[in-house]
Amino acid sequence: MLAVDPGRDKCGIAVCRPGEVLAHRVVPSDALADVVRDWITAYRVEAIVVGNSTGAAGVRTRLVGCAIPVVSVDERGTTLLARTRYFRDHPPRGLGRLIPRSLLVPPEPYDDYAAILLGEAYLQSRGR
């Protein structure tokens, strides 16, 4: 299953299977359709999950040509959880370790972590 955290300028994407994240990346919104088509083939994706907030309509329009189902899901709260997940995978170093993580901002876009959370929530809701 491929998950997309939509945005106006960039989107987070992730390919998830139960208990496993196969790939994740942040891509420019105008390159999304090409990357999604490549990943559908490379990872044998059977469904696409798209968050339902900012930029969702544009993303769904870009994915019209895909030959697999596109499902909208609620993405409330994923940005905050994605930041937490980012710092779990990339712990701060040096003096950054002393700053509460709730005050830290990742040094790079982390929309792909929001996509991971969308994918995992979708799989969990489907009992997988």
Protein backbone atom coordinates (compact mmCIF):
# COMPACT_ATOMS: atom_id res chain seq x y z
CA MET A 1 0.00 0.00 0.00
CA LEU A 2 1.29 3.46 -0.91
CA ALA A 3 0.41 6.42 1.32
CA VAL A 4 0.53 10.08 0.32
CA ASP A 5 0.61 13.07 2.66
CA PRO A 6 -0.59 15.73 0.22
CA GLY A 7 0.69 19.28 0.07
CA ARG A 8 0.65 22.22 -2.31
CA ASP A 9 4.39 22.27 -3.06
CA LYS A 10 5.59 18.89 -1.80
CA CYS A 11 4.14 15.55 -0.79
CA GLY A 12 5.33 12.82 1.51
CA ILE A 13 5.02 9.31 0.15
CA ALA A 14 5.61 5.93 1.73
CA VAL A 15 5.14 2.29 0.80
CA CYS A 16 4.01 0.26 3.80
CA ARG A 17 3.21 -3.35 4.48
CA PRO A 18 2.04 -4.67 7.84
CA GLY A 19 4.86 -4.01 10.30
CA GLU A 20 7.21 -2.71 7.62
CA VAL A 21 8.05 0.51 5.77
CA LEU A 22 9.60 -0.37 2.41
CA ALA A 23 10.35 3.16 1.18
CA HIS A 24 9.59 6.78 2.00
CA ARG A 25 10.47 10.11 0.47
CA VAL A 26 9.42 13.75 0.06
CA VAL A 27 8.79 14.74 -3.56
CA PRO A 28 7.70 17.94 -5.32
CA SER A 29 3.94 17.85 -5.95
CA ASP A 30 4.40 18.16 -9.69
CA ALA A 31 6.62 15.01 -9.73
CA LEU A 32 4.25 12.96 -7.57
CA ALA A 33 2.43 11.09 -10.35
CA ASP A 34 5.67 9.87 -11.95
CA VAL A 35 7.13 8.66 -8.65
CA VAL A 36 3.87 6.97 -7.68
CA ARG A 37 3.70 5.13 -11.02
CA ASP A 38 7.30 3.96 -10.60
CA TRP A 39 6.66 2.79 -7.03
CA ILE A 40 3.41 1.01 -7.99
CA THR A 41 5.46 -1.17 -10.31
CA ALA A 42 8.56 -1.51 -8.12
CA TYR A 43 6.68 -2.41 -4.92
CA ARG A 44 3.56 -4.07 -6.41
CA VAL A 45 1.27 -1.57 -4.75
CA GLU A 46 -2.41 -2.52 -4.68
CA ALA A 47 -3.94 0.66 -3.19
CA ILE A 48 -3.11 4.31 -2.63
CA VAL A 49 -4.10 6.11 0.56
CA VAL A 50 -4.28 9.92 0.42
CA GLY A 51 -4.66 12.23 3.42
CA ASN A 52 -7.76 14.42 3.20
CA SER A 53 -6.37 17.87 4.11
CA THR A 54 -4.28 20.52 2.34
CA GLY A 55 -3.67 19.72 -1.30
CA ALA A 56 -5.72 16.51 -1.30
CA ALA A 57 -7.88 17.47 -4.27
CA GLY A 58 -4.85 18.28 -6.41
CA VAL A 59 -3.15 15.03 -5.46
CA ARG A 60 -6.23 12.98 -6.27
CA THR A 61 -6.39 14.74 -9.68
CA ARG A 62 -2.73 13.89 -10.36
CA LEU A 63 -3.39 10.22 -9.52
CA VAL A 64 -6.42 9.80 -11.83
CA GLY A 65 -4.44 7.75 -14.36
CA CYS A 66 -3.32 5.13 -11.82
CA ALA A 67 -4.99 1.79 -12.35
CA ILE A 68 -5.41 1.04 -8.64
CA PRO A 69 -7.89 2.27 -6.01
CA VAL A 70 -7.26 5.64 -4.35
CA VAL A 71 -8.73 5.98 -0.84
CA SER A 72 -9.04 9.18 1.24
CA VAL A 73 -8.20 8.98 4.94
CA ASP A 74 -8.34 11.39 7.86
CA GLU A 75 -4.96 12.95 8.49
CA ARG A 76 -5.73 15.04 11.59
CA GLY A 77 -2.79 15.15 13.99
CA THR A 78 -0.30 13.42 11.71
CA THR A 79 2.06 16.39 11.43
CA LEU A 80 2.79 16.48 15.15
CA LEU A 81 3.10 12.70 15.33
CA ALA A 82 5.35 12.73 12.25
CA ARG A 83 7.74 15.15 13.94
CA THR A 84 7.90 12.86 16.97
CA ARG A 85 8.56 9.86 14.72
CA TYR A 86 11.24 11.78 12.79
CA PHE A 87 13.16 12.52 15.99
CA ARG A 88 12.79 8.91 17.11
CA ASP A 89 14.54 7.84 13.91
CA HIS A 90 16.97 10.80 13.88
CA PRO A 91 17.75 11.67 17.52
CA PRO A 92 19.23 15.11 18.11
CA ARG A 93 22.98 15.25 18.70
CA GLY A 94 25.25 17.56 20.63
CA LEU A 95 23.51 20.39 22.44
CA GLY A 96 20.29 19.55 20.59
CA ARG A 97 19.87 16.62 22.98
CA LEU A 98 19.26 19.12 25.80
CA ILE A 99 16.38 20.89 24.05
CA PRO A 100 12.93 19.36 24.60
CA ARG A 101 11.93 17.59 21.40
CA SER A 102 8.62 19.41 21.39
CA LEU A 103 10.59 22.62 20.72
CA LEU A 104 12.79 21.18 17.97
CA VAL A 105 12.03 21.52 14.28
CA PRO A 106 13.47 18.89 11.94
CA PRO A 107 16.23 20.22 9.69
CA GLU A 108 14.55 18.79 6.59
CA PRO A 109 10.98 18.21 5.37
CA TYR A 110 9.36 15.27 7.15
CA ASP A 111 6.14 14.88 5.16
CA ASP A 112 7.22 11.32 4.37
CA TYR A 113 6.85 10.47 8.06
CA ALA A 114 3.26 11.75 7.94
CA ALA A 115 2.71 9.43 4.96
CA ILE A 116 4.12 6.51 6.96
CA LEU A 117 1.67 7.25 9.77
CA LEU A 118 -1.24 7.46 7.30
CA GLY A 119 -0.27 4.13 5.80
CA GLU A 120 0.16 2.41 9.15
CA ALA A 121 -3.18 3.75 10.41
CA TYR A 122 -4.92 2.56 7.24
CA LEU A 123 -3.39 -0.91 7.52
CA GLN A 124 -4.33 -1.10 11.20
CA SER A 125 -7.91 -0.07 10.45
CA ARG A 126 -8.08 -2.87 7.87
CA GLY A 127 -6.87 -5.41 10.42
CA ARG A 128 -3.50 -5.91 8.75
